[in-house]
Amino acid sequence: MEKAINSIIRALNHSDAGAPEWLHLLPATEFKGVDGRGPWAAPDMDALISTFNKEGGRVAVDENHSTDLAAKQGHSAPARGWIVELEKRDDGLYGRVEWTPEGERMVAAKEYGFLSPVLLHTLQKPYRILKVARVSLTNDPNISHLKSLHSTEETAMLEQLRKALGLPETADEATILAAVATAHTAQAGAAALMARIAEAAGVARDTAPDALVTAIHSRGKATATEAENAELKTQLTSLQSQLTALATTTAKDKAEAAIDGAIEAGKIVPALRDHMITRHMKNPAEVESEIKLMPSLNAGGLGGRKQPGADDNALTAEDNEVMAMMGIDPKAYADTAKALHGKGN
């Protein structure tokens, strides 16, 4: 939309200047002169543009063919402008002119209304145009197919407006003016919206559109990364909790099986079950090595040991070793052994 508005402004500026920027130099089809000369074949505009560029890209605009008439008699024949660019369009060849101050004044004042190109061409009819040698301001044109200077100005401006606004070629002036008003309103609204977006993105309100897009993209990317990281952390925490719970359950199941087996074998007294399970979950290899060294307290009595009595001397050296490894109170050990012995009998 901004480009469209700028194009409109340029077109209006050319209109205010009163002198067209582009001149209609040749029609697109075969043509004849008003005086009967011709016909000239439809111009090969691509070839003419190529020749123009190769020869320096500069053709004089004079008055009433003064270069060919007055200059040859020693009279003044100043250029009123210079064609510096050629362009092919649907209705023919156009030239972009850089007017001299006097040339622009004369055309703006409508002292001249038409153009007369000087053409170099072949000798056989229909004449094939080889180059546009010069262009003259005139009020007596020989090629009626060309637009007048002032109609060219108006038409060119309208064409630029239609293109800038995306209107069809058939759009009239009223439609174009309505579209201009709409475009102006839209541009103002867009500018206000861009300012709000820039403010939300944390950049200056007058940040250029490209820079604003980059800032928004970077901000969005960073936000997305933070969100993704947060979600990933949540998932990892949940997974870690699940794994920890699973490991704990597995370790406890193994510990319970090992300790219950040792109790059943008479190697560990029931009162120590929870204590031994906790130890097994922390270091299963160490506890299982201890269990292998423990004697059985049930079937077959005390394995040749004396019945524990009131004094601690009734416990054997093997009993002392077991109590030391397991950190058990000697009295509690003796009481449990006595109870198990009683059951064995």
Protein backbone atom coordinates (compact mmCIF):
# COMPACT_ATOMS: atom_id res chain seq x y z
CA MET A 1 0.00 0.00 0.00
CA GLU A 2 2.84 2.41 0.76
CA LYS A 3 4.31 1.85 -2.71
CA ALA A 4 0.92 2.55 -4.26
CA ILE A 5 0.60 5.84 -2.39
CA ASN A 6 4.13 6.86 -3.39
CA SER A 7 3.34 6.11 -7.03
CA ILE A 8 0.22 8.26 -6.76
CA ILE A 9 2.23 11.10 -5.27
CA ARG A 10 4.79 10.89 -8.08
CA ALA A 11 2.02 10.91 -10.67
CA LEU A 12 0.35 13.93 -9.07
CA ASN A 13 3.67 15.73 -8.90
CA HIS A 14 4.17 15.24 -12.61
CA SER A 15 0.67 16.59 -13.17
CA ASP A 16 1.35 19.68 -11.08
CA ALA A 17 4.54 20.33 -13.06
CA GLY A 18 2.49 20.71 -16.23
CA ALA A 19 5.04 18.95 -18.48
CA PRO A 20 4.84 15.20 -19.10
CA GLU A 21 7.71 12.96 -18.09
CA TRP A 22 7.03 10.43 -20.86
CA LEU A 23 6.46 11.34 -24.53
CA HIS A 24 4.63 9.17 -27.05
CA LEU A 25 7.21 8.93 -29.85
CA LEU A 26 5.87 6.19 -32.18
CA PRO A 27 2.65 4.19 -32.54
CA ALA A 28 2.79 0.42 -32.15
CA THR A 29 1.27 -0.35 -35.56
CA GLU A 30 1.96 0.60 -39.18
CA PHE A 31 1.17 4.27 -39.84
CA LYS A 32 1.20 7.06 -42.43
CA GLY A 33 1.82 10.78 -42.23
CA VAL A 34 -0.94 13.36 -42.55
CA ASP A 35 0.81 14.61 -45.70
CA GLY A 36 0.63 11.13 -47.24
CA ARG A 37 4.17 10.05 -46.60
CA GLY A 38 4.73 6.44 -45.60
CA PRO A 39 3.68 3.90 -44.75
CA TRP A 40 6.09 3.10 -41.97
CA ALA A 41 6.06 -0.50 -40.76
CA ALA A 42 5.16 -1.27 -37.17
CA PRO A 43 8.27 -0.33 -35.20
CA ASP A 44 10.58 -2.99 -33.84
CA MET A 45 10.65 -1.33 -30.44
CA ASP A 46 13.16 -3.73 -28.91
CA ALA A 47 15.64 -3.02 -31.72
CA LEU A 48 15.09 0.74 -31.44
CA ILE A 49 15.69 0.64 -27.68
CA SER A 50 18.85 -1.42 -28.20
CA THR A 51 20.20 1.06 -30.79
CA PHE A 52 19.34 3.99 -28.53
CA ASN A 53 21.25 2.46 -25.61
CA LYS A 54 24.28 1.53 -27.71
CA GLU A 55 24.57 5.08 -29.11
CA GLY A 56 24.63 6.78 -25.75
CA GLY A 57 20.99 6.98 -24.78
CA ARG A 58 20.42 10.67 -25.38
CA VAL A 59 18.22 12.32 -28.05
CA ALA A 60 17.45 16.05 -28.29
CA VAL A 61 13.99 17.59 -28.12
CA ASP A 62 13.93 20.87 -30.10
CA GLU A 63 11.34 23.31 -31.51
CA ASN A 64 9.84 22.97 -34.99
CA HIS A 65 12.80 20.91 -36.28
CA SER A 66 15.20 23.75 -35.57
CA THR A 67 18.13 21.34 -35.52
CA ASP A 68 17.45 20.37 -39.15
CA LEU A 69 16.29 23.78 -40.40
CA ALA A 70 17.51 26.77 -38.36
CA ALA A 71 20.85 25.29 -37.27
CA LYS A 72 21.85 24.61 -40.89
CA GLN A 73 21.40 28.29 -41.65
CA GLY A 74 23.45 29.33 -38.64
CA HIS A 75 20.57 30.17 -36.39
CA SER A 76 20.12 29.12 -32.79
CA ALA A 77 18.59 25.69 -32.24
CA PRO A 78 18.71 24.98 -28.50
CA ALA A 79 17.46 21.74 -27.04
CA ARG A 80 14.35 22.11 -24.91
CA GLY A 81 14.80 18.70 -23.38
CA TRP A 82 16.59 15.38 -23.75
CA ILE A 83 15.16 11.89 -24.21
CA VAL A 84 17.20 9.75 -21.81
CA GLU A 85 15.25 6.50 -21.79
CA LEU A 86 13.00 4.54 -24.14
CA GLU A 87 10.20 2.23 -23.09
CA LYS A 88 8.01 -0.19 -25.02
CA ARG A 89 4.30 -0.03 -24.22
CA ASP A 90 1.15 -1.53 -25.71
CA ASP A 91 0.36 1.59 -27.73
CA GLY A 92 3.88 2.30 -28.92
CA LEU A 93 7.33 3.61 -28.08
CA TYR A 94 7.70 6.17 -25.30
CA GLY A 95 10.65 8.31 -24.26
CA ARG A 96 11.39 9.72 -20.83
CA VAL A 97 12.36 13.34 -21.14
CA GLU A 98 14.50 15.56 -18.95
CA TRP A 99 13.25 19.05 -19.72
CA THR A 100 15.38 22.17 -19.69
CA PRO A 101 13.83 24.96 -17.58
CA GLU A 102 12.70 26.77 -20.74
CA GLY A 103 11.37 23.62 -22.34
CA GLU A 104 9.36 22.73 -19.24
CA ARG A 105 7.99 26.28 -19.07
CA MET A 106 6.94 26.24 -22.74
CA VAL A 107 5.16 22.91 -22.49
CA ALA A 108 3.54 23.75 -19.14
CA ALA A 109 2.29 27.01 -20.64
CA LYS A 110 0.91 24.95 -23.53
CA GLU A 111 2.85 26.92 -26.13
CA TYR A 112 3.30 23.56 -27.86
CA GLY A 113 0.83 20.74 -27.89
CA PHE A 114 2.30 18.00 -30.11
CA LEU A 115 5.40 16.08 -31.12
CA SER A 116 7.08 15.37 -34.45
CA PRO A 117 9.81 12.69 -34.42
CA VAL A 118 12.66 12.70 -36.96
CA LEU A 119 13.09 9.12 -38.17
CA LEU A 120 15.89 7.34 -39.97
CA HIS A 121 14.44 4.48 -42.04
CA THR A 122 15.04 2.16 -44.96
CA LEU A 123 14.23 3.24 -48.56
CA GLN A 124 11.79 0.46 -49.38
CA LYS A 125 8.13 0.70 -48.44
CA PRO A 126 6.81 0.04 -45.96
CA TYR A 127 9.66 1.95 -44.41
CA ARG A 128 11.38 0.15 -41.57
CA ILE A 129 12.41 2.57 -38.82
CA LEU A 130 16.07 2.28 -37.86
CA LYS A 131 16.26 4.93 -35.13
CA VAL A 132 14.61 8.01 -33.67
CA ALA A 133 17.12 10.76 -34.45
CA ARG A 134 15.37 13.71 -32.81
CA VAL A 135 12.01 14.87 -31.51
CA SER A 136 10.49 18.29 -32.10
CA LEU A 137 7.89 20.30 -30.28
CA THR A 138 5.27 21.40 -32.82
CA ASN A 139 1.73 22.57 -33.28
CA ASP A 140 1.47 21.00 -36.76
CA PRO A 141 2.18 17.27 -36.32
CA ASN A 142 2.46 14.96 -39.32
CA ILE A 143 1.82 11.76 -37.32
CA SER A 144 -1.71 11.91 -35.99
CA HIS A 145 -1.39 8.55 -34.23
CA LEU A 146 0.61 10.11 -31.40
CA LYS A 147 -0.93 11.48 -28.24
CA SER A 148 -0.72 15.20 -27.67
CA LEU A 149 1.69 16.51 -25.08
CA HIS A 150 -1.08 17.38 -22.67
CA SER A 151 -3.25 14.35 -23.27
CA THR A 152 -0.10 12.28 -22.79
CA GLU A 153 0.42 13.95 -19.45
CA GLU A 154 -3.12 13.28 -18.31
CA THR A 155 -3.23 9.75 -19.71
CA ALA A 156 0.15 8.86 -18.27
CA MET A 157 -0.93 10.07 -14.86
CA LEU A 158 -4.17 8.10 -15.01
CA GLU A 159 -2.29 5.01 -16.20
CA GLN A 160 0.13 5.29 -13.29
CA LEU A 161 -2.75 5.69 -10.87
CA ARG A 162 -4.58 2.66 -12.28
CA LYS A 163 -1.46 0.50 -12.00
CA ALA A 164 -0.59 1.76 -8.52
CA LEU A 165 -4.11 1.13 -7.26
CA GLY A 166 -4.56 -2.18 -9.07
CA LEU A 167 -7.51 -0.89 -11.10
CA PRO A 168 -8.53 -2.16 -14.55
CA GLU A 169 -7.64 -0.11 -17.63
CA THR A 170 -11.31 0.82 -18.02
CA ALA A 171 -11.48 2.62 -14.64
CA ASP A 172 -12.60 6.23 -15.13
CA GLU A 173 -11.44 9.31 -13.25
CA ALA A 174 -14.21 9.10 -10.63
CA THR A 175 -13.26 5.51 -9.84
CA ILE A 176 -9.59 6.44 -9.64
CA LEU A 177 -10.26 9.37 -7.28
CA ALA A 178 -12.40 7.16 -5.02
CA ALA A 179 -9.62 4.57 -4.95
CA VAL A 180 -7.07 7.27 -4.08
CA ALA A 181 -9.19 8.35 -1.10
CA THR A 182 -9.57 4.73 0.02
CA ALA A 183 -5.83 4.14 -0.37
CA HIS A 184 -5.04 7.21 1.71
CA THR A 185 -7.37 6.05 4.50
CA ALA A 186 -5.90 2.55 4.36
CA GLN A 187 -2.37 3.91 4.52
CA ALA A 188 -3.19 5.97 7.59
CA GLY A 189 -4.78 2.97 9.27
CA ALA A 190 -1.86 0.74 8.32
CA ALA A 191 0.62 3.26 9.71
CA ALA A 192 -1.25 3.37 13.02
CA LEU A 193 -1.40 -0.43 13.16
CA MET A 194 2.30 -0.75 12.37
CA ALA A 195 3.07 1.68 15.19
CA ARG A 196 1.04 -0.41 17.65
CA ILE A 197 2.69 -3.63 16.46
CA ALA A 198 6.13 -2.05 16.82
CA GLU A 199 5.28 -0.94 20.35
CA ALA A 200 4.09 -4.45 21.23
CA ALA A 201 7.28 -5.92 19.76
CA GLY A 202 9.36 -3.65 21.97
CA VAL A 203 10.89 -1.55 19.17
CA ALA A 204 10.55 2.09 18.11
CA ARG A 205 7.16 3.07 16.65
CA ASP A 206 8.80 4.31 13.45
CA THR A 207 10.77 1.09 12.85
CA ALA A 208 10.95 0.23 9.13
CA PRO A 209 8.67 -2.66 8.03
CA ASP A 210 11.52 -5.07 7.23
CA ALA A 211 13.21 -4.40 10.57
CA LEU A 212 9.87 -4.80 12.35
CA VAL A 213 9.26 -8.18 10.70
CA THR A 214 12.74 -9.31 11.78
CA ALA A 215 12.10 -8.16 15.35
CA ILE A 216 8.75 -9.94 15.51
CA HIS A 217 10.24 -13.10 14.03
CA SER A 218 13.10 -13.09 16.52
CA ARG A 219 10.75 -12.43 19.40
CA GLY A 220 8.37 -15.17 18.29
CA LYS A 221 11.23 -17.61 17.83
CA ALA A 222 12.57 -16.85 21.32
CA THR A 223 9.11 -17.20 22.84
CA ALA A 224 8.56 -20.48 21.06
CA THR A 225 11.91 -21.74 22.33
CA GLU A 226 11.10 -20.79 25.91
CA ALA A 227 7.73 -22.52 25.69
CA GLU A 228 9.29 -25.59 24.15
CA ASN A 229 11.99 -25.66 26.83
CA ALA A 230 9.41 -25.32 29.59
CA GLU A 231 7.35 -28.16 28.14
CA LEU A 232 10.46 -30.28 27.73
CA LYS A 233 11.50 -29.65 31.32
CA THR A 234 8.02 -30.62 32.52
CA GLN A 235 8.15 -33.83 30.52
CA LEU A 236 11.65 -34.65 31.77
CA THR A 237 10.64 -34.01 35.38
CA SER A 238 7.61 -36.24 35.00
CA LEU A 239 9.66 -38.95 33.33
CA GLN A 240 12.33 -38.73 36.01
CA SER A 241 9.69 -39.08 38.73
CA GLN A 242 8.25 -42.12 37.01
CA LEU A 243 11.67 -43.72 36.66
CA THR A 244 12.50 -42.99 40.28
CA ALA A 245 9.23 -44.51 41.44
CA LEU A 246 9.78 -47.55 39.25
CA ALA A 247 13.35 -47.99 40.51
CA THR A 248 12.21 -47.63 44.11
CA THR A 249 9.42 -50.16 43.67
CA THR A 250 11.73 -52.63 41.93
CA ALA A 251 14.43 -52.22 44.57
CA LYS A 252 11.90 -52.64 47.37
CA ASP A 253 10.43 -55.77 45.78
CA LYS A 254 13.90 -57.29 45.49
CA ALA A 255 14.81 -56.27 49.03
CA GLU A 256 11.61 -57.73 50.50
CA ALA A 257 12.12 -61.01 48.65
CA ALA A 258 15.73 -61.29 49.85
CA ILE A 259 15.06 -60.37 53.47
CA ASP A 260 11.89 -62.46 53.76
CA GLY A 261 13.89 -65.39 52.38
CA ALA A 262 16.61 -64.79 54.97
CA ILE A 263 14.02 -64.61 57.76
CA GLU A 264 12.44 -67.85 56.61
CA ALA A 265 15.91 -69.45 56.56
CA GLY A 266 16.40 -68.30 60.13
CA LYS A 267 19.27 -65.96 59.28
CA ILE A 268 17.49 -62.73 60.18
CA VAL A 269 15.03 -62.21 63.02
CA PRO A 270 11.63 -60.70 62.01
CA ALA A 271 12.18 -57.65 64.20
CA LEU A 272 14.95 -56.56 61.82
CA ARG A 273 12.88 -56.95 58.61
CA ASP A 274 12.25 -53.24 57.89
CA HIS A 275 15.79 -52.29 58.86
CA MET A 276 17.31 -54.90 56.56
CA ILE A 277 14.95 -54.05 53.68
CA THR A 278 16.01 -50.38 53.86
CA ARG A 279 19.67 -51.36 53.87
CA HIS A 280 19.14 -53.78 50.96
CA MET A 281 17.47 -51.07 48.83
CA LYS A 282 20.52 -48.81 49.32
CA ASN A 283 23.19 -51.48 48.84
CA PRO A 284 21.83 -54.89 47.88
CA ALA A 285 25.25 -56.49 47.22
CA GLU A 286 26.54 -55.65 50.68
CA VAL A 287 23.45 -57.00 52.49
CA GLU A 288 23.27 -60.17 50.45
CA SER A 289 26.96 -60.85 51.22
CA GLU A 290 26.19 -60.50 54.93
CA ILE A 291 23.21 -62.87 54.71
CA LYS A 292 25.39 -65.57 53.18
CA LEU A 293 27.65 -65.42 56.25
CA MET A 294 24.79 -65.63 58.73
CA PRO A 295 24.03 -69.03 60.36
CA SER A 296 20.51 -70.36 60.45
CA LEU A 297 18.76 -70.07 63.84
CA ASN A 298 15.88 -72.45 63.28
CA ALA A 299 15.79 -76.08 62.11
CA GLY A 300 18.42 -78.19 63.85
CA GLY A 301 18.67 -75.95 66.91
CA LEU A 302 21.42 -73.49 67.34
CA GLY A 303 23.96 -75.38 65.28
CA GLY A 304 26.04 -76.60 68.21
CA ARG A 305 25.82 -73.27 70.01
CA LYS A 306 24.80 -73.06 73.62
CA GLN A 307 21.32 -71.87 74.50
CA PRO A 308 21.55 -68.10 75.14
CA GLY A 309 21.06 -67.40 78.81
CA ALA A 310 21.04 -64.50 81.09
CA ASP A 311 24.70 -63.72 80.67
CA ASP A 312 26.21 -62.51 77.42
CA ASN A 313 28.92 -65.19 77.61
CA ALA A 314 26.35 -67.70 76.35
CA LEU A 315 26.74 -66.14 72.86
CA THR A 316 29.47 -67.57 70.69
CA ALA A 317 32.14 -65.73 68.76
CA GLU A 318 30.06 -66.31 65.61
CA ASP A 319 27.10 -64.62 67.27
CA ASN A 320 29.26 -61.64 68.12
CA GLU A 321 30.41 -61.41 64.46
CA VAL A 322 26.83 -61.42 63.17
CA MET A 323 25.75 -58.79 65.71
CA ALA A 324 28.72 -56.59 64.79
CA MET A 325 27.95 -56.77 61.04
CA MET A 326 24.26 -56.06 61.54
CA GLY A 327 24.56 -53.54 64.36
CA ILE A 328 22.17 -55.52 66.57
CA ASP A 329 21.87 -55.18 70.33
CA PRO A 330 23.24 -58.40 71.97
CA LYS A 331 20.25 -58.74 74.33
CA ALA A 332 17.71 -58.41 71.50
CA TYR A 333 19.67 -60.95 69.50
CA ALA A 334 19.77 -63.39 72.40
CA ASP A 335 16.03 -63.01 73.08
CA THR A 336 15.15 -63.66 69.43
CA ALA A 337 17.47 -66.67 69.25
CA LYS A 338 15.88 -68.12 72.39
CA ALA A 339 12.41 -67.70 70.95
CA LEU A 340 13.37 -69.35 67.67
CA HIS A 341 15.07 -72.17 69.52
CA GLY A 342 11.96 -72.79 71.48
CA LYS A 343 9.94 -73.05 68.26
CA GLY A 344 12.49 -75.45 66.80
CA ASN A 345 11.98 -77.87 69.66
